[in-house]
């Protein structure tokens, strides 16, 4: 048995580490417990094959909150984000290539359609306005609509006043973003099919929905709120992979006095007198604390780690209704040279950004149609990056790693297909086949292949049903409904048990906002001064 802590944190993912850092910064004695041998949760870098290092799951950064970078001084702890330059969409005989240089992008769009090029300028300005309007909500503790304390609604007053000051057409756009599908919303602005399809892809990341499903326009906005050095919608690769983010946060937490342990899986949460009192590790060791913060999802926290009888059955049923519906897979490749795209041959700068396999809206929707019936997509949507073009340290000299985020891969397969273990290789083959349609040399350059299905993601990273956001970002599971109605203020029905992961507001991605808000709220609730 260890000494008593002010707080024990379950999970050493980036949100758990953020909470550890901020609680230590507030003068609390904190320990974070990670079940694996390596920190980071899904934001982790691992050498899967000798000499080849992968961002195994999460692979790009945009949403990491600037205030966390600043307040924890993460660059001093090794964080360096290398910008990705644009998005290349290879097509059969042509391509669409948008880059960070606005002038070059406008010339490319004019090559396709003059009207769409002009609309792109206006659309970009509009989305920056919408992102600036909604961004403050990322730092707000959601109110409980059934609560009697009016003070919890005060943070929303400024947002309401800002909304009222918006021009009427901007108010209408915001309502559209909350209700429309990504494809329909973008279709109001553009006619270029590959452009609509590629931009719509941001609306279906990590969701079991198609680009024509209502509500996906909000997910589009969610990803648009990312920024790097003040530039909205900018994406980057952390030097050393996404594990570099987690290691920088862990370094900051340790410097502030937090204790971090790996290979310390939690078996259950100790509860006595109606409040959390610590945790028991699988080894049998007890770690006692005044508060327990869980950065794992609500299902794992409430239904697996709490012993029966500690929760009201109605609350358990509510947790059981959370939609996870993992829909994403990941294929990581090691290659001995770069893929060669027939529409734009060679090793040019078009390979230095994201490569989006999203040729048309119909292609995207057909990929979703497979998933609706319990099948992995035969021609999936793929978001590919080649991080070694930005950070050569991830592979041996002259070699490369390729990261492929894939949809759709439904967690619940049609029983006629068998298990995911039966389908893993065929799913990986489908991804390679899709790439080969526009880069035929891909098969001959692959040295190694790692395929992660939603089932693998669940087993490896503890994400229920392989959902990368710890619960879908569907409208009914956002803000004061996240993770369940009445318990969106980072506290559950068991006293001194807090959630601090992506299961809470404002959702998923390498953001850190969840961990920061929870860690700022806990000292306030216990009367400690936050420094």
Protein backbone atom coordinates (compact mmCIF):
# COMPACT_ATOMS: atom_id res chain seq x y z
CA UNK A 1 0.00 0.00 0.00
CA UNK A 2 1.30 3.44 -0.93
CA UNK A 3 0.88 6.71 0.90
CA UNK A 4 -2.28 8.70 0.38
CA UNK A 5 -2.62 11.08 -2.57
CA UNK A 6 -4.81 14.09 -3.15
CA UNK A 7 -5.78 12.61 -6.50
CA UNK A 8 -5.19 9.41 -8.45
CA UNK A 9 -5.69 9.44 -12.22
CA UNK A 10 -6.69 6.33 -14.14
CA UNK A 11 -5.01 6.27 -17.55
CA UNK A 12 -1.84 7.87 -18.91
CA UNK A 13 -3.30 9.15 -22.15
CA UNK A 14 -2.81 12.79 -23.05
CA UNK A 15 -5.93 13.94 -21.15
CA UNK A 16 -4.97 12.07 -18.01
CA UNK A 17 -1.47 13.55 -18.20
CA UNK A 18 -2.90 17.05 -18.67
CA UNK A 19 -5.01 16.58 -15.54
CA UNK A 20 -1.96 15.34 -13.62
CA UNK A 21 0.04 18.39 -14.68
CA UNK A 22 -2.63 20.92 -13.74
CA UNK A 23 -3.44 19.28 -10.40
CA UNK A 24 0.26 19.17 -9.53
CA UNK A 25 0.46 22.82 -10.59
CA UNK A 26 -2.30 23.51 -8.04
CA UNK A 27 -0.12 22.01 -5.32
CA UNK A 28 -1.84 18.64 -5.09
CA UNK A 29 -0.08 15.30 -4.59
CA UNK A 30 -0.99 13.37 -7.73
CA UNK A 31 -0.28 9.98 -9.26
CA UNK A 32 -1.27 8.90 -12.78
CA UNK A 33 -1.56 5.17 -13.49
CA UNK A 34 -1.13 3.76 -17.01
CA UNK A 35 -1.80 0.08 -17.66
CA UNK A 36 0.58 -0.21 -20.64
CA UNK A 37 4.38 -0.03 -20.65
CA UNK A 38 4.26 3.27 -22.52
CA UNK A 39 2.47 6.56 -21.94
CA UNK A 40 0.10 8.26 -24.31
CA UNK A 41 -3.00 6.10 -24.69
CA UNK A 42 -3.95 6.45 -28.35
CA UNK A 43 -1.49 9.35 -28.74
CA UNK A 44 1.54 7.11 -28.71
CA UNK A 45 4.65 6.39 -30.77
CA UNK A 46 5.93 2.83 -30.98
CA UNK A 47 8.65 1.03 -32.93
CA UNK A 48 6.46 -1.70 -34.39
CA UNK A 49 9.12 -2.99 -36.80
CA UNK A 50 12.89 -2.53 -36.29
CA UNK A 51 13.86 1.01 -37.24
CA UNK A 52 10.29 2.06 -38.13
CA UNK A 53 8.45 4.21 -35.57
CA UNK A 54 4.74 4.80 -35.93
CA UNK A 55 2.09 7.07 -34.52
CA UNK A 56 0.18 3.84 -34.09
CA UNK A 57 -3.30 5.30 -33.58
CA UNK A 58 -3.73 9.10 -33.46
CA UNK A 59 -1.44 10.55 -36.08
CA UNK A 60 -1.90 14.32 -36.55
CA UNK A 61 -2.33 17.33 -34.25
CA UNK A 62 -4.51 20.38 -34.67
CA UNK A 63 -6.92 20.59 -31.75
CA UNK A 64 -4.33 20.70 -28.92
CA UNK A 65 -5.36 23.80 -27.01
CA UNK A 66 -2.91 26.72 -27.22
CA UNK A 67 -3.50 27.57 -23.56
CA UNK A 68 -2.22 24.13 -22.55
CA UNK A 69 0.89 24.53 -24.67
CA UNK A 70 1.46 27.93 -23.10
CA UNK A 71 0.55 27.21 -19.47
CA UNK A 72 2.56 23.99 -19.31
CA UNK A 73 5.38 25.43 -21.44
CA UNK A 74 5.35 22.31 -23.59
CA UNK A 75 8.00 23.46 -26.11
CA UNK A 76 10.49 23.55 -23.21
CA UNK A 77 9.58 19.92 -22.60
CA UNK A 78 10.27 18.88 -26.18
CA UNK A 79 7.02 19.56 -28.04
CA UNK A 80 7.59 20.57 -31.63
CA UNK A 81 4.77 20.48 -34.16
CA UNK A 82 5.85 20.29 -37.81
CA UNK A 83 3.22 21.66 -40.20
CA UNK A 84 1.58 19.52 -42.86
CA UNK A 85 1.20 21.28 -46.19
CA UNK A 86 -2.28 20.89 -47.59
CA UNK A 87 -4.36 18.03 -48.95
CA UNK A 88 -3.81 16.08 -52.16
CA UNK A 89 -6.77 14.14 -53.60
CA UNK A 90 -5.61 11.72 -56.34
CA UNK A 91 -8.17 10.89 -58.99
CA UNK A 92 -8.33 8.70 -62.07
CA UNK A 93 -6.38 10.83 -64.53
CA UNK A 94 -6.49 14.05 -62.51
CA UNK A 95 -6.06 15.40 -58.99
CA UNK A 96 -7.19 18.14 -56.62
CA UNK A 97 -4.42 19.73 -54.56
CA UNK A 98 -5.01 22.38 -51.92
CA UNK A 99 -2.00 23.75 -50.04
CA UNK A 100 -1.33 26.17 -47.21
CA UNK A 101 -0.38 28.84 -49.76
CA UNK A 102 -3.77 30.45 -50.39
CA UNK A 103 -2.78 31.87 -53.76
CA UNK A 104 -1.70 28.48 -55.11
CA UNK A 105 -4.91 26.87 -53.85
CA UNK A 106 -7.01 29.52 -55.57
CA UNK A 107 -5.17 28.90 -58.85
CA UNK A 108 -5.79 25.17 -58.49
CA UNK A 109 -9.51 25.69 -57.86
CA UNK A 110 -9.77 28.07 -60.82
CA UNK A 111 -8.37 25.24 -62.92
CA UNK A 112 -11.48 23.31 -61.93
CA UNK A 113 -14.17 25.97 -61.67
CA UNK A 114 -13.99 29.78 -61.39
CA UNK A 115 -17.21 30.06 -59.41
CA UNK A 116 -16.10 27.48 -56.84
CA UNK A 117 -12.78 29.28 -56.45
CA UNK A 118 -14.57 32.48 -55.49
CA UNK A 119 -16.90 30.58 -53.16
CA UNK A 120 -13.88 28.95 -51.49
CA UNK A 121 -12.58 32.36 -50.44
CA UNK A 122 -15.91 33.33 -48.87
CA UNK A 123 -16.40 29.90 -47.31
CA UNK A 124 -12.99 30.01 -45.62
CA UNK A 125 -13.71 33.40 -44.06
CA UNK A 126 -17.13 32.20 -42.90
CA UNK A 127 -15.78 29.07 -41.22
CA UNK A 128 -13.09 31.05 -39.41
CA UNK A 129 -15.88 33.30 -38.08
CA UNK A 130 -17.89 30.27 -36.96
CA UNK A 131 -14.83 28.69 -35.35
CA UNK A 132 -14.01 31.90 -33.48
CA UNK A 133 -17.61 32.15 -32.31
CA UNK A 134 -17.86 28.60 -30.99
CA UNK A 135 -14.26 28.13 -29.77
CA UNK A 136 -14.90 29.59 -26.26
CA UNK A 137 -17.25 26.69 -25.58
CA UNK A 138 -14.21 24.37 -25.59
CA UNK A 139 -13.24 25.78 -22.19
CA UNK A 140 -16.71 25.87 -20.62
CA UNK A 141 -18.11 23.46 -18.05
CA UNK A 142 -21.51 22.45 -19.44
CA UNK A 143 -24.46 23.41 -17.26
CA UNK A 144 -26.93 20.89 -15.91
CA UNK A 145 -30.29 21.99 -17.41
CA UNK A 146 -32.07 20.40 -14.44
CA UNK A 147 -29.85 22.15 -11.90
CA UNK A 148 -31.14 24.92 -9.64
CA UNK A 149 -27.96 27.00 -9.43
CA UNK A 150 -28.19 29.74 -12.08
CA UNK A 151 -24.44 30.50 -11.78
CA UNK A 152 -23.59 27.44 -13.86
CA UNK A 153 -25.22 29.15 -16.87
CA UNK A 154 -23.10 32.31 -16.58
CA UNK A 155 -20.32 31.10 -18.92
CA UNK A 156 -22.94 30.71 -21.65
CA UNK A 157 -24.20 34.27 -21.31
CA UNK A 158 -21.28 35.71 -23.26
CA UNK A 159 -21.76 33.11 -25.99
CA UNK A 160 -25.45 34.01 -26.23
CA UNK A 161 -24.67 37.71 -26.49
CA UNK A 162 -22.11 37.01 -29.20
CA UNK A 163 -24.67 34.94 -31.09
CA UNK A 164 -27.23 37.73 -30.85
CA UNK A 165 -24.68 40.16 -32.31
CA UNK A 166 -24.01 37.91 -35.29
CA UNK A 167 -25.63 39.02 -38.56
CA UNK A 168 -28.81 37.11 -39.30
CA UNK A 169 -27.19 35.18 -42.17
CA UNK A 170 -24.38 34.02 -39.83
CA UNK A 171 -26.91 32.86 -37.26
CA UNK A 172 -28.60 30.84 -39.99
CA UNK A 173 -25.24 29.29 -40.99
CA UNK A 174 -24.59 28.25 -37.39
CA UNK A 175 -27.99 26.52 -37.22
CA UNK A 176 -27.15 24.74 -40.48
CA UNK A 177 -23.85 23.56 -39.05
CA UNK A 178 -25.71 22.09 -36.08
CA UNK A 179 -28.28 20.23 -38.16
CA UNK A 180 -27.15 19.52 -41.73
CA UNK A 181 -25.00 16.85 -43.27
CA UNK A 182 -21.47 17.77 -44.24
CA UNK A 183 -22.11 17.08 -47.94
CA UNK A 184 -25.34 19.08 -48.04
CA UNK A 185 -23.79 22.00 -46.18
CA UNK A 186 -20.78 22.12 -48.50
CA UNK A 187 -23.02 21.59 -51.51
CA UNK A 188 -24.48 25.03 -50.86
CA UNK A 189 -21.07 26.48 -51.67
CA UNK A 190 -19.36 24.21 -54.16
CA UNK A 191 -19.99 22.13 -57.27
CA UNK A 192 -16.60 20.36 -57.61
CA UNK A 193 -17.41 16.83 -56.51
CA UNK A 194 -13.91 15.84 -55.29
CA UNK A 195 -13.73 19.10 -53.32
CA UNK A 196 -17.06 18.46 -51.57
CA UNK A 197 -16.09 14.85 -50.89
CA UNK A 198 -12.65 15.71 -49.51
CA UNK A 199 -13.92 18.51 -47.30
CA UNK A 200 -16.87 16.37 -46.15
CA UNK A 201 -14.43 13.76 -44.87
CA UNK A 202 -13.75 15.90 -41.79
CA UNK A 203 -17.43 15.48 -40.91
CA UNK A 204 -17.34 11.71 -40.62
CA UNK A 205 -14.03 11.14 -38.83
CA UNK A 206 -14.64 8.67 -36.02
CA UNK A 207 -18.41 8.58 -36.53
CA UNK A 208 -20.69 5.81 -37.73
CA UNK A 209 -22.32 8.18 -40.19
CA UNK A 210 -21.98 9.02 -43.85
CA UNK A 211 -21.21 12.36 -45.45
CA UNK A 212 -24.94 12.74 -46.19
CA UNK A 213 -26.00 12.02 -42.58
CA UNK A 214 -27.57 14.97 -40.71
CA UNK A 215 -25.32 16.28 -37.92
CA UNK A 216 -22.01 15.63 -39.64
CA UNK A 217 -21.64 19.32 -40.49
CA UNK A 218 -20.98 19.94 -36.79
CA UNK A 219 -18.12 17.40 -36.79
CA UNK A 220 -16.76 19.37 -39.75
CA UNK A 221 -16.81 22.49 -37.57
CA UNK A 222 -15.31 20.58 -34.62
CA UNK A 223 -12.23 19.81 -36.69
CA UNK A 224 -12.16 23.31 -38.11
CA UNK A 225 -11.57 24.67 -34.60
CA UNK A 226 -8.05 23.29 -34.62
CA UNK A 227 -5.18 25.72 -34.93
CA UNK A 228 -1.41 25.82 -35.04
CA UNK A 229 0.30 29.11 -34.21
CA UNK A 230 -3.05 30.89 -34.54
CA UNK A 231 -3.89 29.51 -37.99
CA UNK A 232 -7.32 27.84 -37.98
CA UNK A 233 -7.73 24.47 -39.70
CA UNK A 234 -3.96 23.92 -39.69
CA UNK A 235 -2.67 20.40 -39.12
CA UNK A 236 0.74 19.22 -38.06
CA UNK A 237 2.84 16.22 -37.10
CA UNK A 238 4.60 16.23 -33.72
CA UNK A 239 8.30 15.55 -34.05
CA UNK A 240 8.76 11.96 -32.93
CA UNK A 241 5.11 11.11 -33.63
CA UNK A 242 2.06 11.77 -31.50
CA UNK A 243 3.83 10.14 -28.59
CA UNK A 244 5.90 13.33 -28.58
CA UNK A 245 2.82 15.23 -27.39
CA UNK A 246 2.18 12.78 -24.55
CA UNK A 247 5.83 12.69 -23.50
CA UNK A 248 6.03 16.51 -23.43
CA UNK A 249 2.92 16.70 -21.21
CA UNK A 250 4.29 13.93 -18.98
CA UNK A 251 7.59 15.78 -18.66
CA UNK A 252 5.74 18.95 -17.66
CA UNK A 253 3.65 17.01 -15.13
CA UNK A 254 6.73 15.43 -13.54
CA UNK A 255 8.46 18.82 -13.38
CA UNK A 256 5.44 20.12 -11.47
CA UNK A 257 5.65 17.24 -9.00
CA UNK A 258 3.25 14.64 -10.39
CA UNK A 259 4.08 10.96 -10.08
CA UNK A 260 3.48 8.81 -13.18
CA UNK A 261 3.52 5.03 -13.22
CA UNK A 262 3.37 2.65 -16.16
CA UNK A 263 2.44 -1.05 -16.11
CA UNK A 264 -0.02 -0.23 -13.34
CA UNK A 265 -3.42 -1.47 -14.57
CA UNK A 266 -6.38 -0.55 -12.37
CA UNK A 267 -8.69 -3.42 -11.46
CA UNK A 268 -11.38 -1.45 -9.60
CA UNK A 269 -12.24 1.84 -7.98
CA UNK A 270 -12.50 1.76 -4.19
CA UNK A 271 -15.77 3.18 -2.90
CA UNK A 272 -16.78 3.69 0.73
CA UNK A 273 -19.50 5.78 2.27
CA UNK A 274 -20.77 6.79 -1.16
CA UNK A 275 -17.46 8.34 -2.29
CA UNK A 276 -14.41 7.22 -4.21
CA UNK A 277 -11.43 6.53 -1.94
CA UNK A 278 -8.79 5.31 -4.38
CA UNK A 279 -8.14 2.35 -6.66
CA UNK A 280 -6.96 -1.23 -6.48
CA UNK A 281 -4.40 -2.34 -9.07
CA UNK A 282 -4.50 -5.74 -10.72
CA UNK A 283 -1.48 -6.60 -8.57
CA UNK A 284 -3.64 -6.10 -5.48
CA UNK A 285 -1.92 -2.88 -4.45
CA UNK A 286 -4.22 -0.17 -3.10
CA UNK A 287 -3.63 3.45 -4.04
CA UNK A 288 -5.67 5.68 -1.72
CA UNK A 289 -6.66 9.22 -2.66
CA UNK A 290 -9.13 11.96 -1.81
CA UNK A 291 -10.31 12.02 -5.42
CA UNK A 292 -10.22 9.67 -8.40
CA UNK A 293 -10.11 10.99 -11.96
CA UNK A 294 -10.70 8.58 -14.82
CA UNK A 295 -9.44 9.44 -18.28
CA UNK A 296 -10.89 6.25 -19.74
CA UNK A 297 -14.40 6.20 -21.16
CA UNK A 298 -17.63 6.26 -19.18
CA UNK A 299 -18.53 2.64 -19.92
CA UNK A 300 -15.14 1.38 -18.68
CA UNK A 301 -15.22 3.66 -15.65
CA UNK A 302 -18.75 3.08 -14.41
CA UNK A 303 -19.62 -0.41 -15.62
CA UNK A 304 -16.25 -2.18 -15.39
CA UNK A 305 -14.26 -0.53 -12.58
CA UNK A 306 -17.08 0.07 -10.10
CA UNK A 307 -18.44 -2.91 -8.23
CA UNK A 308 -22.17 -3.61 -8.62
CA UNK A 309 -24.41 -1.75 -6.20
CA UNK A 310 -22.55 1.57 -6.26
CA UNK A 311 -24.71 3.11 -8.96
CA UNK A 312 -28.41 3.66 -9.41
CA UNK A 313 -29.75 1.19 -12.00
CA UNK A 314 -31.25 4.07 -14.00
CA UNK A 315 -27.80 5.68 -14.30
CA UNK A 316 -26.25 2.38 -15.34
CA UNK A 317 -28.88 2.05 -18.06
CA UNK A 318 -28.08 5.58 -19.25
CA UNK A 319 -24.39 4.73 -19.48
CA UNK A 320 -25.27 1.52 -21.30
CA UNK A 321 -27.06 3.58 -23.94
CA UNK A 322 -23.98 5.63 -24.87
CA UNK A 323 -23.31 5.18 -28.58
CA UNK A 324 -19.75 4.11 -29.34
CA UNK A 325 -20.09 2.29 -32.67
CA UNK A 326 -16.42 2.30 -33.59
CA UNK A 327 -16.09 2.77 -37.34
CA UNK A 328 -12.39 3.39 -37.94
CA UNK A 329 -9.36 1.26 -38.62
CA UNK A 330 -5.69 2.07 -39.04
CA UNK A 331 -3.14 0.61 -41.43
CA UNK A 332 0.51 1.52 -40.87
CA UNK A 333 2.99 0.71 -43.60
CA UNK A 334 6.78 0.58 -43.80
CA UNK A 335 7.98 1.14 -47.37
CA UNK A 336 11.35 1.19 -49.09
CA UNK A 337 10.41 4.12 -51.34
CA UNK A 338 7.57 6.54 -51.91
CA UNK A 339 4.25 5.73 -53.60
CA UNK A 340 3.97 7.02 -57.17
CA UNK A 341 0.60 8.50 -58.11
CA UNK A 342 -0.32 8.20 -61.78
CA UNK A 343 -2.16 11.53 -61.81
CA UNK A 344 0.91 13.41 -60.50
CA UNK A 345 3.99 11.17 -60.77
CA UNK A 346 7.17 11.60 -58.81
CA UNK A 347 8.31 12.43 -55.28
CA UNK A 348 7.00 16.01 -55.26
CA UNK A 349 5.75 18.21 -52.46
CA UNK A 350 2.19 16.94 -53.01
CA UNK A 351 3.23 13.99 -50.79
CA UNK A 352 4.14 16.21 -47.83
CA UNK A 353 0.57 16.84 -46.66
CA UNK A 354 -2.53 14.72 -46.26
CA UNK A 355 -3.46 12.42 -49.14
CA UNK A 356 -7.22 11.96 -49.22
CA UNK A 357 -8.84 9.04 -51.03
CA UNK A 358 -12.17 10.77 -51.47
CA UNK A 359 -12.79 11.05 -55.18
CA UNK A 360 -16.51 11.73 -55.03
CA UNK A 361 -19.42 12.09 -52.63
CA UNK A 362 -20.91 8.88 -54.05
CA UNK A 363 -17.66 7.01 -53.31
CA UNK A 364 -17.79 8.21 -49.71
CA UNK A 365 -21.44 7.28 -49.29
CA UNK A 366 -20.94 3.85 -50.85
CA UNK A 367 -18.14 3.19 -48.37
CA UNK A 368 -20.66 3.98 -45.62
CA UNK A 369 -23.27 1.72 -47.21
CA UNK A 370 -20.98 -1.26 -46.63
CA UNK A 371 -20.65 -0.37 -42.94
CA UNK A 372 -24.40 0.01 -42.45
CA UNK A 373 -24.77 -3.68 -43.17
CA UNK A 374 -21.89 -4.81 -40.98
CA UNK A 375 -19.23 -4.99 -43.68
CA UNK A 376 -15.88 -3.23 -43.87
CA UNK A 377 -15.70 -0.90 -46.85
CA UNK A 378 -14.43 -2.58 -50.00
CA UNK A 379 -13.34 0.82 -51.36
CA UNK A 380 -12.77 2.73 -48.12
CA UNK A 381 -12.14 6.38 -47.46
CA UNK A 382 -8.46 6.74 -46.50
CA UNK A 383 -6.63 9.68 -44.99
CA UNK A 384 -2.96 8.99 -45.68
CA UNK A 385 0.12 10.83 -44.51
CA UNK A 386 3.82 10.10 -44.98
CA UNK A 387 5.32 11.54 -41.77
CA UNK A 388 8.91 10.70 -42.72
CA UNK A 389 8.80 13.44 -45.37
CA UNK A 390 8.45 15.90 -42.49
CA UNK A 391 10.27 13.97 -39.76
CA UNK A 392 12.86 11.56 -41.27
CA UNK A 393 13.77 10.22 -37.82
CA UNK A 394 10.73 7.92 -37.92
CA UNK A 395 12.37 5.44 -40.35
CA UNK A 396 15.83 4.28 -41.48
CA UNK A 397 17.56 6.47 -44.09
CA UNK A 398 15.84 6.28 -47.46
CA UNK A 399 12.83 4.40 -46.03
CA UNK A 400 9.43 5.74 -45.07
CA UNK A 401 6.41 5.08 -42.90
CA UNK A 402 2.88 5.63 -44.17
CA UNK A 403 -0.09 6.19 -41.90
CA UNK A 404 -3.55 5.28 -43.23
CA UNK A 405 -6.65 6.23 -41.25
CA UNK A 406 -9.50 4.17 -42.70
CA UNK A 407 -13.29 4.30 -42.77
CA UNK A 408 -15.35 2.35 -42.58
CA UNK A 409 -14.54 -0.55 -40.32
CA UNK A 410 -17.60 -1.30 -38.15
CA UNK A 411 -16.88 -2.80 -34.76
CA UNK A 412 -19.95 -5.04 -35.06
CA UNK A 413 -19.45 -7.19 -38.14
CA UNK A 414 -22.12 -9.18 -39.92
CA UNK A 415 -21.90 -12.63 -38.24
CA UNK A 416 -21.68 -14.20 -41.68
CA UNK A 417 -18.23 -12.62 -42.06
CA UNK A 418 -16.89 -14.11 -38.85
CA UNK A 419 -14.79 -12.18 -36.35
CA UNK A 420 -12.43 -9.26 -36.88
CA UNK A 421 -9.55 -11.68 -36.35
CA UNK A 422 -10.87 -13.54 -39.40
CA UNK A 423 -11.16 -10.31 -41.42
CA UNK A 424 -8.04 -8.36 -40.44
CA UNK A 425 -5.87 -9.37 -43.39
CA UNK A 426 -8.66 -8.95 -45.93
CA UNK A 427 -9.40 -5.49 -44.54
CA UNK A 428 -5.73 -4.56 -44.87
CA UNK A 429 -5.74 -5.89 -48.43
CA UNK A 430 -8.76 -3.70 -49.27
CA UNK A 431 -6.85 -0.63 -48.06
CA UNK A 432 -3.81 -1.49 -50.17
CA UNK A 433 -6.04 -2.23 -53.17
CA UNK A 434 -7.71 1.18 -52.82
CA UNK A 435 -4.32 2.91 -52.77
CA UNK A 436 -3.16 0.85 -55.76
CA UNK A 437 -6.01 2.25 -57.88
CA UNK A 438 -4.14 5.57 -58.06
CA UNK A 439 -0.62 4.55 -56.95
CA UNK A 440 0.00 1.16 -58.60
CA UNK A 441 3.51 0.70 -57.18
CA UNK A 442 2.25 0.54 -53.58
CA UNK A 443 2.22 -3.28 -53.42
CA UNK A 444 5.84 -3.67 -54.49
CA UNK A 445 7.24 -1.11 -52.04
CA UNK A 446 5.67 -2.43 -48.81
CA UNK A 447 8.18 -3.92 -46.37
CA UNK A 448 5.91 -4.32 -43.35
CA UNK A 449 2.22 -3.81 -42.58
CA UNK A 450 0.35 -3.29 -39.33
CA UNK A 451 -3.44 -3.51 -39.46
CA UNK A 452 -5.56 -2.29 -36.55
CA UNK A 453 -9.27 -3.06 -36.60
CA UNK A 454 -11.73 -1.45 -34.15
CA UNK A 455 -11.45 -4.63 -32.11
CA UNK A 456 -7.66 -4.22 -31.98
CA UNK A 457 -8.05 -0.57 -30.98
CA UNK A 458 -10.34 -1.63 -28.14
CA UNK A 459 -7.95 -4.31 -26.91
CA UNK A 460 -4.78 -2.27 -27.29
CA UNK A 461 -5.93 1.14 -26.07
CA UNK A 462 -9.00 0.35 -23.95
CA UNK A 463 -11.36 2.35 -26.17
CA UNK A 464 -14.82 0.77 -26.01
CA UNK A 465 -15.84 -0.61 -29.41
CA UNK A 466 -12.74 1.02 -30.86
CA UNK A 467 -14.35 4.46 -30.86
CA UNK A 468 -11.53 7.00 -31.12
CA UNK A 469 -13.55 9.71 -29.33
CA UNK A 470 -14.70 7.59 -26.34
CA UNK A 471 -18.23 7.97 -27.66
CA UNK A 472 -19.58 9.32 -30.92
CA UNK A 473 -19.60 13.06 -31.58
CA UNK A 474 -23.26 12.94 -32.57
CA UNK A 475 -25.42 15.90 -31.60
CA UNK A 476 -27.35 14.03 -28.92
CA UNK A 477 -24.04 13.15 -27.21
CA UNK A 478 -22.54 16.63 -27.00
CA UNK A 479 -22.23 19.39 -24.41
CA UNK A 480 -24.61 18.83 -21.45
CA UNK A 481 -25.44 15.33 -22.74
CA UNK A 482 -21.80 14.17 -22.70
CA UNK A 483 -21.29 11.53 -21.43
CA UNK A 484 -24.91 11.28 -20.21
CA UNK A 485 -27.60 13.88 -19.40
CA UNK A 486 -27.27 15.39 -15.96
CA UNK A 487 -23.62 14.38 -15.49
CA UNK A 488 -21.72 16.55 -17.96
CA UNK A 489 -19.90 18.58 -15.29
CA UNK A 490 -17.07 16.01 -15.08
CA UNK A 491 -18.56 14.46 -11.94
CA UNK A 492 -20.69 11.34 -11.70
CA UNK A 493 -23.11 10.11 -9.02
CA UNK A 494 -20.26 8.73 -6.88
CA UNK A 495 -18.73 11.57 -4.88
CA UNK A 496 -15.08 12.40 -5.61
CA UNK A 497 -15.11 10.33 -8.83
CA UNK A 498 -14.40 12.51 -11.85
CA UNK A 499 -14.09 11.93 -15.59
CA UNK A 500 -11.33 13.77 -17.45
CA UNK A 501 -11.08 12.04 -20.84
CA UNK A 502 -12.65 12.40 -24.27
CA UNK A 503 -15.91 10.93 -22.97
CA UNK A 504 -16.58 14.38 -21.53
CA UNK A 505 -17.13 17.78 -23.13
CA UNK A 506 -15.77 18.96 -25.57
CA UNK A 507 -15.13 15.52 -27.09
CA UNK A 508 -12.23 13.78 -28.75
CA UNK A 509 -9.06 14.42 -30.65
CA UNK A 510 -5.63 15.32 -29.28
CA UNK A 511 -7.10 18.36 -27.57
CA UNK A 512 -6.37 18.17 -23.84
CA UNK A 513 -9.27 20.48 -23.03
CA UNK A 514 -11.14 17.72 -21.18
CA UNK A 515 -8.24 17.02 -18.84
CA UNK A 516 -7.61 20.70 -18.24
CA UNK A 517 -11.21 21.60 -17.41
CA UNK A 518 -11.61 18.66 -15.02
CA UNK A 519 -8.34 19.51 -13.26
CA UNK A 520 -9.35 23.15 -12.87
CA UNK A 521 -12.77 22.21 -11.53
CA UNK A 522 -11.59 19.72 -8.91
CA UNK A 523 -9.52 22.19 -6.83
CA UNK A 524 -12.37 24.69 -6.99
CA UNK A 525 -14.75 22.04 -5.70
CA UNK A 526 -12.40 21.23 -2.84
CA UNK A 527 -11.52 24.84 -2.03
CA UNK A 528 -7.91 24.68 -3.21
CA UNK A 529 -6.31 27.67 -4.86
CA UNK A 530 -5.39 27.11 -8.52
CA UNK A 531 -1.99 28.63 -9.33
